[in-house]
Amino acid sequence: MAPFACVILSLAIGSMVSGGEARAFFVFGDSLVDNGNNNYLITSARADAPPYGIDYPTHRPTGRFSNGLNIPDIISEQLGMEPTQPYLSPFLKGDKLLVGANFASAGVGILNDTGIQFLNIIRIGKQLEYFQQYQTRVSSIIGPEQTTALVNQALVLITLGGNDFVNNYYLVPFSARSRQFSLPDYVTYLISEYRKVLHKLFDLGARRVLVTGTGPLGCVPAELAQRSRAGECSAELMRAAALFNPQLVQMLDNLNSELGASVFIAANTQQMHTDFISNPQAFGFVTSKIACCGQGPYNGVGLCTAVSNLCPNRDLYAFWDPFHPSEKANRIIVQQILSGDTQYMKPMNLSTILALDSRT
């Protein structure tokens, strides 16, 4: 998309929001969208130490698995809204609640046994319980009718699925789930369980839900370090993503048909990532194989810590750490969420949603 068109789009969205169309924003899911909930938990899935946050406005770690802003932050920024706060934050109270809340927790998946090695994380069922609790809290401020309206009119983002593969099915050879299911059957099971989660989200009042697929799981530096001989993506993990993502889109189509409305919007984050992984130079990156922060082959081994290798310019790297995109890559993803065609966003992109909703 041309820079001038991006500016026009941003101005158009800004005018919608400033014109009385400001809406709450709720975020559910895993480390790709967690903005600090795990800081308040006893868990190893944390991003609360340098160099995380090195490019965040405060230049301090915030619990985001990023050098700077993550996808929900950038969506909020583009829509002219305050960023949501982690639901577990003691600062999320009073009027701040009306902005929305982020319930995401690094390490979680669709399944409850995903991420058990991280100990105390907010599994998706618990995130939905917190969403109910949130509504009770807001009702005490603005009343139940206004709370229902706030939730119905809100924008929702949910990101799940990647951990069900990398931190469950493929975590160790002959994992419990891989002994229980062939890969195609596992994907079918995941999709059926995810459908229940999304239906529950609808029952709790969500009416505009962006649902991201998985990225190209076999191409992240952690998997290159573990499974690649010469920098090629892991075929087995790519097969998992290739099975999961189309079935997710089909399930969302079916749910929308059943509900009689475009409640669930599929974001093809696999294609969004593939664009800059397959041609990093076209997006200003020097590499999409080596993480900015890490150690070992492709900087893909272990965690990003103060003693890791650290690149001097994060904008030149598609991946910040062994698993997570850099802020620059997140911005490319959000641009496609906002304005991408149906190759990226089905049945419509976020700017179309905002234009439609501004008329109702």
Protein backbone atom coordinates (compact mmCIF):
# COMPACT_ATOMS: atom_id res chain seq x y z
CA MET A 1 0.00 0.00 0.00
CA ALA A 2 1.37 3.44 -0.92
CA PRO A 3 2.44 5.71 1.96
CA PHE A 4 0.00 8.43 0.83
CA ALA A 5 -2.86 5.91 0.88
CA CYS A 6 -1.81 4.85 4.38
CA VAL A 7 -2.00 8.47 5.54
CA ILE A 8 -5.48 8.90 4.01
CA LEU A 9 -6.63 5.67 5.65
CA SER A 10 -5.28 6.75 9.03
CA LEU A 11 -6.99 10.13 8.72
CA ALA A 12 -10.28 8.50 7.74
CA ILE A 13 -10.14 6.11 10.65
CA GLY A 14 -9.13 8.91 13.01
CA SER A 15 -12.13 10.98 11.94
CA MET A 16 -14.46 8.03 12.59
CA VAL A 17 -13.11 7.59 16.07
CA SER A 18 -12.98 11.29 16.95
CA GLY A 19 -16.47 11.72 15.55
CA GLY A 20 -18.01 9.99 18.52
CA GLU A 21 -17.30 6.49 17.20
CA ALA A 22 -14.69 5.59 19.83
CA ARG A 23 -15.21 2.02 20.94
CA ALA A 24 -13.86 -0.31 23.56
CA PHE A 25 -11.22 -2.84 22.54
CA PHE A 26 -10.81 -6.31 24.05
CA VAL A 27 -7.87 -8.65 23.44
CA PHE A 28 -7.65 -12.39 24.10
CA GLY A 29 -4.95 -14.92 23.33
CA ASP A 30 -1.25 -15.63 23.70
CA SER A 31 2.17 -13.93 23.73
CA LEU A 32 1.67 -12.30 20.34
CA VAL A 33 -0.93 -10.02 21.97
CA ASP A 34 -0.21 -10.19 25.75
CA ASN A 35 0.71 -6.70 26.98
CA GLY A 36 1.72 -7.55 30.52
CA ASN A 37 -0.71 -9.89 32.27
CA ASN A 38 2.00 -12.49 32.88
CA ASN A 39 4.00 -9.90 34.86
CA TYR A 40 1.46 -10.46 37.63
CA LEU A 41 1.75 -14.25 37.60
CA ILE A 42 4.29 -16.79 38.81
CA THR A 43 5.29 -18.12 35.40
CA SER A 44 8.36 -18.59 33.24
CA ALA A 45 6.50 -17.08 30.25
CA ARG A 46 7.52 -13.50 30.95
CA ALA A 47 8.96 -10.55 29.05
CA ASP A 48 9.62 -8.28 32.01
CA ALA A 49 13.40 -7.90 31.74
CA PRO A 50 15.67 -6.03 29.30
CA PRO A 51 16.17 -5.96 26.39
CA TYR A 52 12.39 -6.45 25.95
CA GLY A 53 10.82 -3.02 25.52
CA ILE A 54 14.06 -1.43 24.29
CA ASP A 55 12.09 0.53 21.65
CA TYR A 56 8.92 1.01 23.70
CA PRO A 57 8.28 4.72 24.45
CA THR A 58 9.61 4.25 28.00
CA HIS A 59 12.53 2.05 26.74
CA ARG A 60 11.64 -0.37 29.54
CA PRO A 61 10.23 -3.92 29.49
CA THR A 62 6.44 -3.98 29.82
CA GLY A 63 5.61 -7.68 29.53
CA ARG A 64 5.12 -7.39 25.77
CA PHE A 65 7.05 -9.99 23.79
CA SER A 66 8.41 -7.27 21.53
CA ASN A 67 11.15 -4.72 21.22
CA GLY A 68 8.38 -2.10 21.25
CA LEU A 69 4.67 -2.12 20.44
CA ASN A 70 2.70 -5.27 19.69
CA ILE A 71 -0.27 -5.82 17.37
CA PRO A 72 -3.03 -4.60 19.75
CA ASP A 73 -0.99 -1.48 20.60
CA ILE A 74 -0.64 -0.62 16.93
CA ILE A 75 -4.33 -1.23 16.22
CA SER A 76 -5.19 1.14 19.10
CA GLU A 77 -2.69 3.69 17.80
CA GLN A 78 -4.07 3.53 14.26
CA LEU A 79 -7.64 3.93 15.52
CA GLY A 80 -6.69 6.89 17.71
CA MET A 81 -7.52 5.03 20.91
CA GLU A 82 -5.68 4.62 24.19
CA PRO A 83 -3.88 1.26 24.39
CA THR A 84 -5.73 -1.26 26.50
CA GLN A 85 -4.25 -2.22 29.85
CA PRO A 86 -3.61 -5.77 31.08
CA TYR A 87 -6.67 -7.01 32.95
CA LEU A 88 -4.52 -7.98 35.96
CA SER A 89 -3.03 -4.48 36.21
CA PRO A 90 -3.97 -2.62 39.40
CA PHE A 91 -4.19 0.53 37.25
CA LEU A 92 -7.14 -0.83 35.25
CA LYS A 93 -9.99 0.79 37.16
CA GLY A 94 -12.55 3.59 36.90
CA ASP A 95 -12.76 5.27 33.50
CA LYS A 96 -9.79 3.23 32.26
CA LEU A 97 -12.12 0.21 32.19
CA LEU A 98 -14.24 1.90 29.53
CA VAL A 99 -11.30 1.80 27.07
CA GLY A 100 -11.43 -2.01 27.21
CA ALA A 101 -9.00 -4.59 28.54
CA ASN A 102 -6.35 -7.04 27.45
CA PHE A 103 -6.89 -10.56 28.85
CA ALA A 104 -4.14 -12.30 26.85
CA SER A 105 -1.49 -14.43 28.51
CA ALA A 106 1.75 -15.70 26.98
CA GLY A 107 1.93 -19.46 26.59
CA VAL A 108 -1.76 -20.28 26.29
CA GLY A 109 -3.50 -22.15 23.52
CA ILE A 110 -6.91 -23.36 22.50
CA LEU A 111 -6.40 -26.45 24.68
CA ASN A 112 -6.00 -26.38 28.45
CA ASP A 113 -2.94 -28.65 28.37
CA THR A 114 -1.07 -26.30 26.04
CA GLY A 115 1.69 -24.41 27.86
CA ILE A 116 1.53 -26.48 31.05
CA GLN A 117 5.33 -26.14 31.27
CA PHE A 118 4.85 -22.40 31.95
CA LEU A 119 2.87 -23.17 35.13
CA ASN A 120 0.58 -20.28 36.05
CA ILE A 121 -0.85 -18.68 32.89
CA ILE A 122 -4.37 -17.44 32.11
CA ARG A 123 -5.88 -20.22 30.03
CA ILE A 124 -8.49 -19.17 27.50
CA GLY A 125 -11.41 -20.35 29.63
CA LYS A 126 -10.15 -18.17 32.47
CA GLN A 127 -9.70 -15.21 30.07
CA LEU A 128 -13.40 -15.52 29.22
CA GLU A 129 -14.27 -15.72 32.94
CA TYR A 130 -12.33 -12.49 33.45
CA PHE A 131 -14.30 -10.94 30.58
CA GLN A 132 -17.51 -11.75 32.47
CA GLN A 133 -16.00 -10.30 35.64
CA TYR A 134 -14.96 -7.19 33.70
CA GLN A 135 -18.57 -6.66 32.61
CA THR A 136 -19.77 -6.88 36.19
CA ARG A 137 -17.20 -4.27 37.21
CA VAL A 138 -18.20 -1.94 34.38
CA SER A 139 -21.92 -2.40 35.18
CA SER A 140 -21.27 -0.94 38.60
CA ILE A 141 -19.94 2.22 36.91
CA ILE A 142 -22.27 2.78 33.93
CA GLY A 143 -25.11 0.32 34.52
CA PRO A 144 -25.96 -2.99 32.84
CA GLU A 145 -27.62 -1.57 29.70
CA GLN A 146 -24.71 0.72 28.88
CA THR A 147 -22.29 -2.11 29.60
CA THR A 148 -24.08 -4.39 27.15
CA ALA A 149 -23.92 -1.63 24.53
CA LEU A 150 -20.21 -1.02 25.22
CA VAL A 151 -19.42 -4.73 24.75
CA ASN A 152 -21.66 -5.18 21.69
CA GLN A 153 -20.06 -2.17 19.96
CA ALA A 154 -16.49 -3.09 20.93
CA LEU A 155 -13.73 -4.36 18.70
CA VAL A 156 -12.31 -7.73 19.78
CA LEU A 157 -9.03 -9.40 18.79
CA ILE A 158 -8.22 -13.04 19.53
CA THR A 159 -4.97 -14.84 18.69
CA LEU A 160 -4.68 -18.54 19.50
CA GLY A 161 -3.39 -21.74 17.92
CA GLY A 162 0.38 -21.42 17.49
CA ASN A 163 1.17 -22.68 20.97
CA ASP A 164 -1.07 -25.72 20.47
CA PHE A 165 1.54 -26.84 17.96
CA VAL A 166 4.92 -25.52 19.18
CA ASN A 167 4.20 -25.81 22.91
CA ASN A 168 2.09 -28.95 22.83
CA TYR A 169 1.94 -31.29 19.80
CA TYR A 170 5.56 -30.67 18.72
CA LEU A 171 7.01 -29.65 22.08
CA VAL A 172 8.82 -32.97 22.54
CA PRO A 173 9.09 -36.04 20.32
CA PHE A 174 6.18 -38.41 20.94
CA SER A 175 4.25 -35.86 22.97
CA ALA A 176 1.00 -37.01 24.59
CA ARG A 177 -1.09 -35.21 21.96
CA SER A 178 0.97 -36.55 19.03
CA ARG A 179 0.48 -40.09 20.35
CA GLN A 180 -3.24 -39.44 20.75
CA PHE A 181 -3.87 -37.79 17.35
CA SER A 182 -2.48 -37.85 13.84
CA LEU A 183 -1.80 -34.26 12.73
CA PRO A 184 -4.98 -33.96 10.57
CA ASP A 185 -7.11 -35.30 13.42
CA TYR A 186 -5.41 -32.97 15.90
CA VAL A 187 -6.19 -29.97 13.70
CA THR A 188 -9.85 -31.08 13.43
CA TYR A 189 -9.97 -31.35 17.23
CA LEU A 190 -8.38 -27.91 17.70
CA ILE A 191 -10.87 -26.29 15.32
CA SER A 192 -13.83 -27.90 17.12
CA GLU A 193 -12.53 -26.67 20.49
CA TYR A 194 -11.80 -23.19 19.11
CA ARG A 195 -15.38 -23.01 17.81
CA LYS A 196 -16.63 -23.47 21.39
CA VAL A 197 -14.36 -20.64 22.60
CA LEU A 198 -15.61 -18.27 19.89
CA HIS A 199 -19.25 -19.17 20.50
CA LYS A 200 -18.73 -18.40 24.18
CA LEU A 201 -17.21 -15.05 23.23
CA PHE A 202 -20.34 -14.32 21.17
CA ASP A 203 -22.56 -15.38 24.10
CA LEU A 204 -20.65 -12.87 26.26
CA GLY A 205 -21.59 -10.06 23.86
CA ALA A 206 -18.75 -9.82 21.32
CA ARG A 207 -20.07 -8.79 17.90
CA ARG A 208 -16.94 -7.74 15.94
CA VAL A 209 -14.12 -10.24 16.44
CA LEU A 210 -10.83 -10.28 14.52
CA VAL A 211 -9.52 -13.87 14.59
CA THR A 212 -5.91 -14.32 13.49
CA GLY A 213 -4.61 -17.56 12.07
CA THR A 214 -1.17 -18.90 12.91
CA GLY A 215 1.90 -17.55 11.19
CA PRO A 216 4.16 -19.85 9.12
CA LEU A 217 5.16 -21.80 12.23
CA GLY A 218 8.11 -23.60 10.67
CA CYS A 219 9.90 -20.40 9.65
CA VAL A 220 10.46 -18.74 13.04
CA PRO A 221 14.10 -18.61 14.20
CA ALA A 222 13.43 -21.03 17.08
CA GLU A 223 12.28 -23.73 14.65
CA LEU A 224 15.08 -22.98 12.17
CA ALA A 225 17.58 -23.47 15.01
CA GLN A 226 15.99 -26.74 16.06
CA ARG A 227 14.90 -28.31 12.77
CA SER A 228 16.62 -26.64 9.80
CA ARG A 229 19.84 -27.76 8.11
CA ALA A 230 20.31 -24.84 5.75
CA GLY A 231 17.76 -22.21 6.71
CA GLU A 232 14.73 -23.89 5.16
CA CYS A 233 11.44 -23.76 7.05
CA SER A 234 10.39 -26.89 8.95
CA ALA A 235 8.16 -28.88 6.58
CA GLU A 236 6.23 -30.56 9.39
CA LEU A 237 5.31 -27.30 11.14
CA MET A 238 4.46 -25.70 7.82
CA ARG A 239 2.13 -28.64 7.18
CA ALA A 240 0.45 -27.96 10.51
CA ALA A 241 -0.14 -24.29 9.63
CA ALA A 242 -1.33 -25.24 6.13
CA LEU A 243 -3.93 -27.59 7.63
CA PHE A 244 -5.04 -25.32 10.48
CA ASN A 245 -5.48 -21.95 8.79
CA PRO A 246 -7.90 -22.89 5.96
CA GLN A 247 -10.02 -24.93 8.39
CA LEU A 248 -10.13 -21.94 10.74
CA VAL A 249 -11.45 -19.71 7.94
CA GLN A 250 -14.07 -22.33 7.03
CA MET A 251 -15.17 -22.65 10.66
CA LEU A 252 -15.53 -18.85 10.95
CA ASP A 253 -17.60 -18.78 7.73
CA ASN A 254 -19.87 -21.47 9.15
CA LEU A 255 -20.23 -19.64 12.47
CA ASN A 256 -21.12 -16.40 10.71
CA SER A 257 -23.71 -18.21 8.59
CA GLU A 258 -25.21 -19.75 11.69
CA LEU A 259 -25.32 -16.37 13.47
CA GLY A 260 -26.57 -14.51 10.38
CA ALA A 261 -23.94 -11.78 10.66
CA SER A 262 -20.25 -11.12 9.97
CA VAL A 263 -19.25 -11.40 13.63
CA PHE A 264 -15.95 -13.21 13.06
CA ILE A 265 -13.34 -11.76 10.70
CA ALA A 266 -10.49 -14.03 9.59
CA ALA A 267 -7.05 -12.40 9.48
CA ASN A 268 -4.67 -14.43 7.31
CA THR A 269 -1.56 -13.80 9.38
CA GLN A 270 0.16 -16.75 7.69
CA GLN A 271 0.14 -14.87 4.38
CA MET A 272 1.02 -11.56 6.09
CA HIS A 273 4.12 -13.17 7.61
CA THR A 274 4.96 -15.12 4.46
CA ASP A 275 5.16 -11.88 2.47
CA PHE A 276 8.10 -10.56 4.48
CA ILE A 277 9.64 -13.95 5.26
CA SER A 278 9.88 -14.87 1.58
CA ASN A 279 11.09 -11.42 0.49
CA PRO A 280 12.44 -9.55 3.51
CA GLN A 281 14.33 -6.95 1.47
CA ALA A 282 11.08 -5.74 -0.12
CA PHE A 283 9.96 -4.67 3.36
CA GLY A 284 13.27 -3.14 4.43
CA PHE A 285 14.52 -6.11 6.45
CA VAL A 286 18.02 -7.53 6.10
CA THR A 287 16.87 -10.95 7.30
CA SER A 288 13.78 -12.93 8.20
CA LYS A 289 15.74 -15.93 9.47
CA ILE A 290 17.88 -14.51 12.28
CA ALA A 291 16.23 -13.08 15.38
CA CYS A 292 17.45 -9.72 16.60
CA CYS A 293 17.79 -11.01 20.17
CA GLY A 294 18.90 -14.51 21.08
CA GLN A 295 21.79 -16.93 20.80
CA GLY A 296 22.83 -20.01 18.90
CA PRO A 297 21.96 -20.71 15.26
CA TYR A 298 19.70 -17.97 13.86
CA ASN A 299 19.67 -16.47 17.39
CA GLY A 300 16.90 -19.01 17.82
CA VAL A 301 18.02 -20.90 20.93
CA GLY A 302 16.65 -20.21 24.41
CA LEU A 303 15.30 -16.88 25.59
CA CYS A 304 16.08 -13.27 24.78
CA THR A 305 17.96 -11.96 27.84
CA ALA A 306 20.41 -9.24 28.81
CA VAL A 307 23.31 -11.53 27.84
CA SER A 308 21.89 -12.46 24.40
CA ASN A 309 23.19 -11.20 21.08
CA LEU A 310 21.28 -8.00 20.32
CA CYS A 311 21.07 -6.31 16.93
CA PRO A 312 21.65 -2.53 16.92
CA ASN A 313 18.71 -1.73 14.59
CA ARG A 314 15.53 -3.66 15.28
CA ASP A 315 13.78 -2.28 12.19
CA LEU A 316 16.09 -4.37 10.00
CA TYR A 317 14.87 -7.66 11.50
CA ALA A 318 11.54 -9.38 10.85
CA PHE A 319 11.88 -11.30 14.14
CA TRP A 320 12.64 -9.70 17.47
CA ASP A 321 13.24 -12.91 19.43
CA PRO A 322 13.12 -16.63 18.51
CA PHE A 323 9.31 -16.64 18.20
CA HIS A 324 7.95 -13.08 17.99
CA PRO A 325 7.90 -10.45 15.22
CA SER A 326 9.63 -7.11 15.67
CA GLU A 327 7.55 -3.95 16.07
CA LYS A 328 8.29 -3.13 12.42
CA ALA A 329 6.89 -6.52 11.34
CA ASN A 330 3.86 -6.02 13.60
CA ARG A 331 3.19 -2.71 11.83
CA ILE A 332 3.18 -4.47 8.44
CA ILE A 333 0.70 -7.03 9.81
CA VAL A 334 -1.60 -4.34 11.21
CA GLN A 335 -1.55 -2.45 7.90
CA GLN A 336 -2.94 -5.55 6.21
CA ILE A 337 -5.54 -6.01 8.97
CA LEU A 338 -6.64 -2.42 8.31
CA SER A 339 -6.59 -2.34 4.54
CA GLY A 340 -5.74 -5.77 3.10
CA ASP A 341 -7.88 -7.37 0.41
CA THR A 342 -9.69 -10.71 0.79
CA GLN A 343 -6.40 -12.59 0.39
CA TYR A 344 -5.59 -11.24 3.85
CA MET A 345 -8.94 -10.40 5.50
CA LYS A 346 -12.24 -12.31 5.08
CA PRO A 347 -14.96 -11.25 4.65
CA MET A 348 -13.61 -7.68 5.01
CA ASN A 349 -10.78 -5.62 6.47
CA LEU A 350 -10.88 -3.48 9.57
CA SER A 351 -11.30 -0.14 7.78
CA THR A 352 -14.41 -1.56 6.03
CA ILE A 353 -15.76 -2.72 9.39
CA LEU A 354 -15.23 0.74 10.86
CA ALA A 355 -16.94 2.40 7.89
CA LEU A 356 -19.92 0.03 8.14
CA ASP A 357 -20.24 0.41 11.90
CA SER A 358 -20.04 4.20 11.72
CA ARG A 359 -23.29 4.20 9.71
CA THR A 360 -25.31 2.14 12.20
